[in-house]
PDB file of N, CA and C in Angstrom:
ATOM      1  N   MET A   1       0.858  -1.270  -0.120  1.00  0.00           N
ATOM      2  CA  MET A   1      -0.140   0.083  -0.106  1.00  0.00           C
ATOM      3  C   MET A   1       0.823   1.549  -0.106  1.00  0.00           C
ATOM      4  N   ASN A   2       2.052   1.517   0.711  1.00  0.00           N
ATOM      5  CA  ASN A   2       2.753   2.405   0.911  1.00  0.00           C
ATOM      6  C   ASN A   2       3.584   2.784  -0.244  1.00  0.00           C
ATOM      7  N   GLU A   3       3.758   1.932  -1.220  1.00  0.00           N
ATOM      8  CA  GLU A   3       4.198   1.968  -2.475  1.00  0.00           C
ATOM      9  C   GLU A   3       3.046   2.951  -3.440  1.00  0.00           C
ATOM     10  N   ARG A   4       2.488   2.463  -3.391  1.00  0.00           N
ATOM     11  CA  ARG A   4       1.228   2.704  -4.350  1.00  0.00           C
ATOM     12  C   ARG A   4       0.910   4.066  -3.731  1.00  0.00           C
ATOM     13  N   ILE A   5       0.934   5.022  -2.492  1.00  0.00           N
ATOM     14  CA  ILE A   5       0.500   5.858  -1.850  1.00  0.00           C
ATOM     15  C   ILE A   5       1.702   7.032  -2.287  1.00  0.00           C
ATOM     16  N   ARG A   6       3.348   6.186  -2.238  1.00  0.00           N
ATOM     17  CA  ARG A   6       4.599   7.150  -2.153  1.00  0.00           C
ATOM     18  C   ARG A   6       3.812   7.514  -4.030  1.00  0.00           C
ATOM     19  N   LYS A   7       3.412   6.422  -4.602  1.00  0.00           N
ATOM     20  CA  LYS A   7       3.547   6.992  -6.360  1.00  0.00           C
ATOM     21  C   LYS A   7       2.477   8.066  -6.474  1.00  0.00           C
ATOM     22  N   ILE A   8       1.420   8.035  -5.701  1.00  0.00           N
ATOM     23  CA  ILE A   8       0.233   9.079  -5.879  1.00  0.00           C
ATOM     24  C   ILE A   8       1.275  10.548  -5.329  1.00  0.00           C
ATOM     25  N   LEU A   9       1.722  10.242  -4.233  1.00  0.00           N
ATOM     26  CA  LEU A   9       2.301  11.640  -3.868  1.00  0.00           C
ATOM     27  C   LEU A   9       3.620  12.631  -4.896  1.00  0.00           C
ATOM     28  N   LYS A  10       3.976  11.419  -5.340  1.00  0.00           N
ATOM     29  CA  LYS A  10       5.316  11.650  -6.629  1.00  0.00           C
ATOM     30  C   LYS A  10       4.656  12.338  -7.854  1.00  0.00           C
ATOM     31  N   ASP A  11       3.160  11.557  -7.853  1.00  0.00           N
ATOM     32  CA  ASP A  11       2.841  12.647  -9.086  1.00  0.00           C
ATOM     33  C   ASP A  11       1.336  13.534  -8.758  1.00  0.00           C
ATOM     34  N   HIS A  12       1.283  13.655  -7.392  1.00  0.00           N
ATOM     35  CA  HIS A  12       0.554  15.059  -7.480  1.00  0.00           C
ATOM     36  C   HIS A  12       0.700  15.866  -5.886  1.00  0.00           C
ATOM     37  N   ALA A  13       1.469  15.610  -5.363  1.00  0.00           N
ATOM     38  CA  ALA A  13       1.449  16.740  -4.168  1.00  0.00           C
ATOM     39  C   ALA A  13       2.805  17.923  -4.208  1.00  0.00           C
ATOM     40  N   ARG A  14       3.526  17.595  -5.615  1.00  0.00           N
ATOM     41  CA  ARG A  14       4.276  18.998  -5.634  1.00  0.00           C
ATOM     42  C   ARG A  14       5.142  19.203  -4.727  1.00  0.00           C
ATOM     43  N   LEU A  15       5.985  17.968  -4.571  1.00  0.00           N
ATOM     44  CA  LEU A  15       6.977  18.288  -3.036  1.00  0.00           C
ATOM     45  C   LEU A  15       8.106  19.103  -3.447  1.00  0.00           C
ATOM     46  N   THR A  16       8.806  19.246  -2.957  1.00  0.00           N
ATOM     47  CA  THR A  16       9.932  20.366  -2.771  1.00  0.00           C
ATOM     48  C   THR A  16      11.176  19.004  -2.838  1.00  0.00           C
ATOM     49  N   LYS A  17      10.821  17.830  -2.421  1.00  0.00           N
ATOM     50  CA  LYS A  17      11.863  16.862  -1.942  1.00  0.00           C
ATOM     51  C   LYS A  17      11.548  15.688  -2.565  1.00  0.00           C
ATOM     52  N   THR A  18      12.278  14.869  -3.580  1.00  0.00           N
ATOM     53  CA  THR A  18      11.982  13.473  -3.711  1.00  0.00           C
ATOM     54  C   THR A  18      11.385  12.571  -2.930  1.00  0.00           C
ATOM     55  N   MET A  19      10.537  11.396  -3.082  1.00  0.00           N
ATOM     56  CA  MET A  19      10.106  10.786  -2.207  1.00  0.00           C
ATOM     57  C   MET A  19      11.293   9.903  -1.630  1.00  0.00           C
ATOM     58  N   GLU A  20      12.169   9.730  -2.313  1.00  0.00           N
ATOM     59  CA  GLU A  20      13.211   9.034  -1.809  1.00  0.00           C
ATOM     60  C   GLU A  20      13.852   9.057  -0.492  1.00  0.00           C
ATOM     61  N   GLU A  21      13.678  10.732  -0.404  1.00  0.00           N
ATOM     62  CA  GLU A  21      14.381  11.370   0.612  1.00  0.00           C
ATOM     63  C   GLU A  21      13.218  11.513   1.756  1.00  0.00           C
ATOM     64  N   LEU A  22      12.350  10.640   1.812  1.00  0.00           N
ATOM     65  CA  LEU A  22      11.812  11.310   3.051  1.00  0.00           C
ATOM     66  C   LEU A  22      10.995   9.841   3.682  1.00  0.00           C
ATOM     67  N   THR A  23      11.115   9.537   5.228  1.00  0.00           N
ATOM     68  CA  THR A  23      10.612   8.599   5.285  1.00  0.00           C
ATOM     69  C   THR A  23       8.619   8.619   5.325  1.00  0.00           C
ATOM     70  N   ASP A  24       8.327   7.115   5.775  1.00  0.00           N
ATOM     71  CA  ASP A  24       6.929   7.116   5.663  1.00  0.00           C
ATOM     72  C   ASP A  24       6.794   8.099   6.893  1.00  0.00           C
ATOM     73  N   ASP A  25       6.937   8.312   7.631  1.00  0.00           N
ATOM     74  CA  ASP A  25       6.557   9.022   8.869  1.00  0.00           C
ATOM     75  C   ASP A  25       6.642  10.595   8.583  1.00  0.00           C
ATOM     76  N   ALA A  26       7.535  11.177   7.535  1.00  0.00           N
ATOM     77  CA  ALA A  26       7.965  12.625   7.244  1.00  0.00           C
ATOM     78  C   ALA A  26       6.628  13.579   6.528  1.00  0.00           C
ATOM     79  N   ASP A  27       6.320  15.140   7.489  1.00  0.00           N
ATOM     80  CA  ASP A  27       5.898  15.376   7.566  1.00  0.00           C
ATOM     81  C   ASP A  27       5.551  16.224   6.013  1.00  0.00           C
ATOM     82  N   LEU A  28       4.437  15.886   5.138  1.00  0.00           N
ATOM     83  CA  LEU A  28       4.857  16.043   3.666  1.00  0.00           C
ATOM     84  C   LEU A  28       4.143  17.949   3.197  1.00  0.00           C
ATOM     85  N   TYR A  29       3.492  18.228   4.648  1.00  0.00           N
ATOM     86  CA  TYR A  29       3.623  19.885   4.549  1.00  0.00           C
ATOM     87  C   TYR A  29       4.962  20.219   4.581  1.00  0.00           C
ATOM     88  N   GLN A  30       6.138  19.968   5.273  1.00  0.00           N
ATOM     89  CA  GLN A  30       6.910  20.513   5.562  1.00  0.00           C
ATOM     90  C   GLN A  30       8.240  20.311   4.323  1.00  0.00           C
ATOM     91  N   ALA A  31       7.283  19.223   3.674  1.00  0.00           N
ATOM     92  CA  ALA A  31       8.179  19.016   2.282  1.00  0.00           C
ATOM     93  C   ALA A  31       7.454  19.426   1.103  1.00  0.00           C
ATOM     94  N   GLY A  32       6.825  20.415   1.032  1.00  0.00           N
ATOM     95  CA  GLY A  32       6.130  21.257   0.136  1.00  0.00           C
ATOM     96  C   GLY A  32       4.391  20.954  -0.436  1.00  0.00           C
ATOM     97  N   MET A  33       4.180  20.191   0.573  1.00  0.00           N
ATOM     98  CA  MET A  33       2.882  19.880  -0.435  1.00  0.00           C
ATOM     99  C   MET A  33       1.581  21.365   0.341  1.00  0.00           C
ATOM    100  N   THR A  34       1.017  21.569  -0.462  1.00  0.00           N
ATOM    101  CA  THR A  34       0.238  22.535  -0.394  1.00  0.00           C
ATOM    102  C   THR A  34      -1.240  22.307  -0.147  1.00  0.00           C
ATOM    103  N   SER A  35      -2.119  23.101   0.722  1.00  0.00           N
ATOM    104  CA  SER A  35      -3.587  22.725   0.730  1.00  0.00           C
ATOM    105  C   SER A  35      -4.146  22.373  -0.579  1.00  0.00           C
ATOM    106  N   HIS A  36      -3.681  22.955  -1.190  1.00  0.00           N
ATOM    107  CA  HIS A  36      -4.345  22.696  -2.955  1.00  0.00           C
ATOM    108  C   HIS A  36      -3.977  21.177  -3.464  1.00  0.00           C
ATOM    109  N   ALA A  37      -3.080  21.496  -3.177  1.00  0.00           N
ATOM    110  CA  ALA A  37      -1.986  19.957  -3.881  1.00  0.00           C
ATOM    111  C   ALA A  37      -2.618  18.433  -3.199  1.00  0.00           C
ATOM    112  N   SER A  38      -2.657  18.802  -1.785  1.00  0.00           N
ATOM    113  CA  SER A  38      -3.747  17.829  -0.712  1.00  0.00           C
ATOM    114  C   SER A  38      -5.038  16.976  -1.627  1.00  0.00           C
ATOM    115  N   VAL A  39      -5.537  18.279  -1.924  1.00  0.00           N
ATOM    116  CA  VAL A  39      -6.975  17.889  -2.335  1.00  0.00           C
ATOM    117  C   VAL A  39      -6.678  16.841  -3.545  1.00  0.00           C
ATOM    118  N   ASN A  40      -5.655  17.211  -4.563  1.00  0.00           N
ATOM    119  CA  ASN A  40      -5.245  16.383  -6.033  1.00  0.00           C
ATOM    120  C   ASN A  40      -4.885  14.945  -5.341  1.00  0.00           C
ATOM    121  N   VAL A  41      -3.743  15.180  -4.304  1.00  0.00           N
ATOM    122  CA  VAL A  41      -3.617  13.766  -3.886  1.00  0.00           C
ATOM    123  C   VAL A  41      -5.273  13.417  -3.495  1.00  0.00           C
ATOM    124  N   MET A  42      -5.465  13.964  -2.649  1.00  0.00           N
ATOM    125  CA  MET A  42      -6.950  12.953  -1.752  1.00  0.00           C
ATOM    126  C   MET A  42      -7.855  12.581  -3.415  1.00  0.00           C
ATOM    127  N   LEU A  43      -7.615  13.062  -4.142  1.00  0.00           N
ATOM    128  CA  LEU A  43      -8.857  12.970  -5.457  1.00  0.00           C
ATOM    129  C   LEU A  43      -8.280  11.342  -6.174  1.00  0.00           C
ATOM    130  N   ALA A  44      -6.476  11.372  -5.742  1.00  0.00           N
ATOM    131  CA  ALA A  44      -6.038  10.337  -6.929  1.00  0.00           C
ATOM    132  C   ALA A  44      -6.123   9.438  -5.547  1.00  0.00           C
ATOM    133  N   LEU A  45      -5.658   9.789  -4.198  1.00  0.00           N
ATOM    134  CA  LEU A  45      -6.047   7.950  -3.627  1.00  0.00           C
ATOM    135  C   LEU A  45      -7.586   7.280  -3.718  1.00  0.00           C
ATOM    136  N   GLU A  46      -8.611   8.219  -3.613  1.00  0.00           N
ATOM    137  CA  GLU A  46      -9.822   8.031  -3.824  1.00  0.00           C
ATOM    138  C   GLU A  46      -9.860   7.049  -5.041  1.00  0.00           C
ATOM    139  N   GLY A  47      -9.264   7.658  -5.895  1.00  0.00           N
ATOM    140  CA  GLY A  47      -9.482   7.050  -7.283  1.00  0.00           C
ATOM    141  C   GLY A  47      -8.830   5.522  -7.483  1.00  0.00           C
ATOM    142  N   GLU A  48      -7.636   5.635  -6.590  1.00  0.00           N
ATOM    143  CA  GLU A  48      -6.600   4.502  -6.976  1.00  0.00           C
ATOM    144  C   GLU A  48      -7.088   3.318  -5.864  1.00  0.00           C
ATOM    145  N   PHE A  49      -7.211   3.520  -4.481  1.00  0.00           N
ATOM    146  CA  PHE A  49      -8.068   2.830  -3.684  1.00  0.00           C
ATOM    147  C   PHE A  49      -9.715   2.238  -3.886  1.00  0.00           C
ATOM    148  N   ASP A  50     -10.133   3.309  -4.525  1.00  0.00           N
ATOM    149  CA  ASP A  50     -11.891   2.988  -4.509  1.00  0.00           C
ATOM    150  C   ASP A  50     -12.534   3.431  -3.086  1.00  0.00           C
ATOM    151  N   VAL A  51     -12.282   4.617  -2.739  1.00  0.00           N
ATOM    152  CA  VAL A  51     -12.672   4.776  -0.955  1.00  0.00           C
ATOM    153  C   VAL A  51     -13.350   6.311  -1.322  1.00  0.00           C
ATOM    154  N   GLU A  52     -13.737   6.275  -0.486  1.00  0.00           N
ATOM    155  CA  GLU A  52     -14.429   7.838  -0.458  1.00  0.00           C
ATOM    156  C   GLU A  52     -13.555   8.619   0.888  1.00  0.00           C
ATOM    157  N   PHE A  53     -13.309   9.583   1.127  1.00  0.00           N
ATOM    158  CA  PHE A  53     -13.006  10.104   2.471  1.00  0.00           C
ATOM    159  C   PHE A  53     -14.508  11.005   2.622  1.00  0.00           C
ATOM    160  N   PRO A  54     -14.708  10.381   4.106  1.00  0.00           N
ATOM    161  CA  PRO A  54     -15.943  11.609   4.842  1.00  0.00           C
ATOM    162  C   PRO A  54     -14.775  12.890   4.856  1.00  0.00           C
ATOM    163  N   ASP A  55     -16.408  13.510   4.902  1.00  0.00           N
ATOM    164  CA  ASP A  55     -15.832  14.981   5.792  1.00  0.00           C
ATOM    165  C   ASP A  55     -15.251  14.951   7.145  1.00  0.00           C
ATOM    166  N   SER A  56     -15.095  14.108   8.225  1.00  0.00           N
ATOM    167  CA  SER A  56     -14.567  13.859   8.694  1.00  0.00           C
ATOM    168  C   SER A  56     -13.197  13.627   9.210  1.00  0.00           C
ATOM    169  N   MET A  57     -12.441  12.843   7.727  1.00  0.00           N
ATOM    170  CA  MET A  57     -11.064  12.758   7.294  1.00  0.00           C
ATOM    171  C   MET A  57     -10.492  14.022   6.894  1.00  0.00           C
ATOM    172  N   LEU A  58     -11.814  14.669   6.519  1.00  0.00           N
ATOM    173  CA  LEU A  58     -10.559  16.060   5.779  1.00  0.00           C
ATOM    174  C   LEU A  58     -10.242  16.847   6.538  1.00  0.00           C
ATOM    175  N   LYS A  59      -8.764  16.519   7.104  1.00  0.00           N
ATOM    176  CA  LYS A  59      -7.732  17.167   7.968  1.00  0.00           C
ATOM    177  C   LYS A  59      -6.724  17.402   7.672  1.00  0.00           C
ATOM    178  N   ARG A  60      -5.852  17.940   7.778  1.00  0.00           N
ATOM    179  CA  ARG A  60      -4.572  17.874   7.919  1.00  0.00           C
ATOM    180  C   ARG A  60      -4.240  16.611   8.188  1.00  0.00           C
ATOM    181  N   SER A  61      -4.099  16.631   9.193  1.00  0.00           N
ATOM    182  CA  SER A  61      -4.026  15.322   9.875  1.00  0.00           C
ATOM    183  C   SER A  61      -3.749  13.979   8.746  1.00  0.00           C
ATOM    184  N   SER A  62      -4.704  13.812   8.571  1.00  0.00           N
ATOM    185  CA  SER A  62      -4.857  12.521   7.786  1.00  0.00           C
ATOM    186  C   SER A  62      -3.805  12.660   6.480  1.00  0.00           C
ATOM    187  N   PHE A  63      -3.798  13.464   6.406  1.00  0.00           N
ATOM    188  CA  PHE A  63      -2.650  13.666   4.876  1.00  0.00           C
ATOM    189  C   PHE A  63      -1.220  13.964   5.147  1.00  0.00           C
ATOM    190  N   GLU A  64      -1.016  14.058   6.555  1.00  0.00           N
ATOM    191  CA  GLU A  64       0.592  14.866   6.393  1.00  0.00           C
ATOM    192  C   GLU A  64       1.714  13.759   6.469  1.00  0.00           C
ATOM    193  N   SER A  65       1.357  12.508   6.151  1.00  0.00           N
ATOM    194  CA  SER A  65       2.596  11.787   5.956  1.00  0.00           C
ATOM    195  C   SER A  65       1.711  10.355   5.403  1.00  0.00           C
ATOM    196  N   VAL A  66       2.865  10.076   4.858  1.00  0.00           N
ATOM    197  CA  VAL A  66       2.605   8.381   4.174  1.00  0.00           C
ATOM    198  C   VAL A  66       1.983   6.804   4.677  1.00  0.00           C
ATOM    199  N   SER A  67       2.886   7.602   5.876  1.00  0.00           N
ATOM    200  CA  SER A  67       2.039   6.727   6.820  1.00  0.00           C
ATOM    201  C   SER A  67       0.477   7.084   7.528  1.00  0.00           C
ATOM    202  N   ALA A  68       0.091   7.916   7.985  1.00  0.00           N
ATOM    203  CA  ALA A  68      -1.073   8.726   8.265  1.00  0.00           C
ATOM    204  C   ALA A  68      -2.481   8.071   7.186  1.00  0.00           C
ATOM    205  N   ILE A  69      -1.988   8.714   5.947  1.00  0.00           N
ATOM    206  CA  ILE A  69      -2.477   8.017   4.668  1.00  0.00           C
ATOM    207  C   ILE A  69      -3.130   6.864   4.844  1.00  0.00           C
ATOM    208  N   ALA A  70      -2.218   6.032   4.640  1.00  0.00           N
ATOM    209  CA  ALA A  70      -2.291   4.313   5.043  1.00  0.00           C
ATOM    210  C   ALA A  70      -2.903   4.017   6.469  1.00  0.00           C
ATOM    211  N   SER A  71      -3.001   4.581   7.275  1.00  0.00           N
ATOM    212  CA  SER A  71      -3.612   4.186   8.110  1.00  0.00           C
ATOM    213  C   SER A  71      -5.247   4.946   7.711  1.00  0.00           C
ATOM    214  N   ALA A  72      -5.675   6.020   7.287  1.00  0.00           N
ATOM    215  CA  ALA A  72      -6.732   6.071   7.169  1.00  0.00           C
ATOM    216  C   ALA A  72      -7.043   5.731   6.147  1.00  0.00           C
ATOM    217  N   ILE A  73      -6.738   5.360   5.043  1.00  0.00           N
ATOM    218  CA  ILE A  73      -6.868   4.246   3.875  1.00  0.00           C
ATOM    219  C   ILE A  73      -7.903   2.977   4.887  1.00  0.00           C
ATOM    220  N   SER A  74      -6.452   2.196   5.619  1.00  0.00           N
ATOM    221  CA  SER A  74      -6.972   1.028   6.272  1.00  0.00           C
ATOM    222  C   SER A  74      -8.310   1.180   6.808  1.00  0.00           C
ATOM    223  N   GLU A  75      -8.631   2.348   7.720  1.00  0.00           N
ATOM    224  CA  GLU A  75     -10.052   3.047   8.717  1.00  0.00           C
ATOM    225  C   GLU A  75     -10.872   2.426   7.205  1.00  0.00           C
ATOM    226  N   LEU A  76     -10.548   3.105   5.985  1.00  0.00           N
ATOM    227  CA  LEU A  76     -12.253   2.932   5.527  1.00  0.00           C
ATOM    228  C   LEU A  76     -12.395   1.911   4.854  1.00  0.00           C
ATOM    229  N   GLY A  77     -11.322   0.884   5.205  1.00  0.00           N
ATOM    230  CA  GLY A  77     -11.303  -0.910   4.885  1.00  0.00           C
ATOM    231  C   GLY A  77     -10.924  -1.301   3.315  1.00  0.00           C
ATOM    232  N   SER A  78     -10.238  -0.408   2.976  1.00  0.00           N
ATOM    233  CA  SER A  78      -9.731  -0.653   1.436  1.00  0.00           C
ATOM    234  C   SER A  78      -7.951  -1.840   1.576  1.00  0.00           C
TER     235      SER A  78
END
């Protein structure tokens, strides 16, 4: 799952660092992801994992790291 998430982040997050430089717990916002880019990441994740993030998960902490995203997707049952 983490590799799929990392590919989406590479393609959509507009990070100032490469995914190879970031650990699964690295703060993606500190690595350059903007709020606008996080929406694109969310939409790509929904398509890739066939999930829909509920309003309660639409917060910065749900998308702040690869680990946080994997946890959120797991919680949604994918």
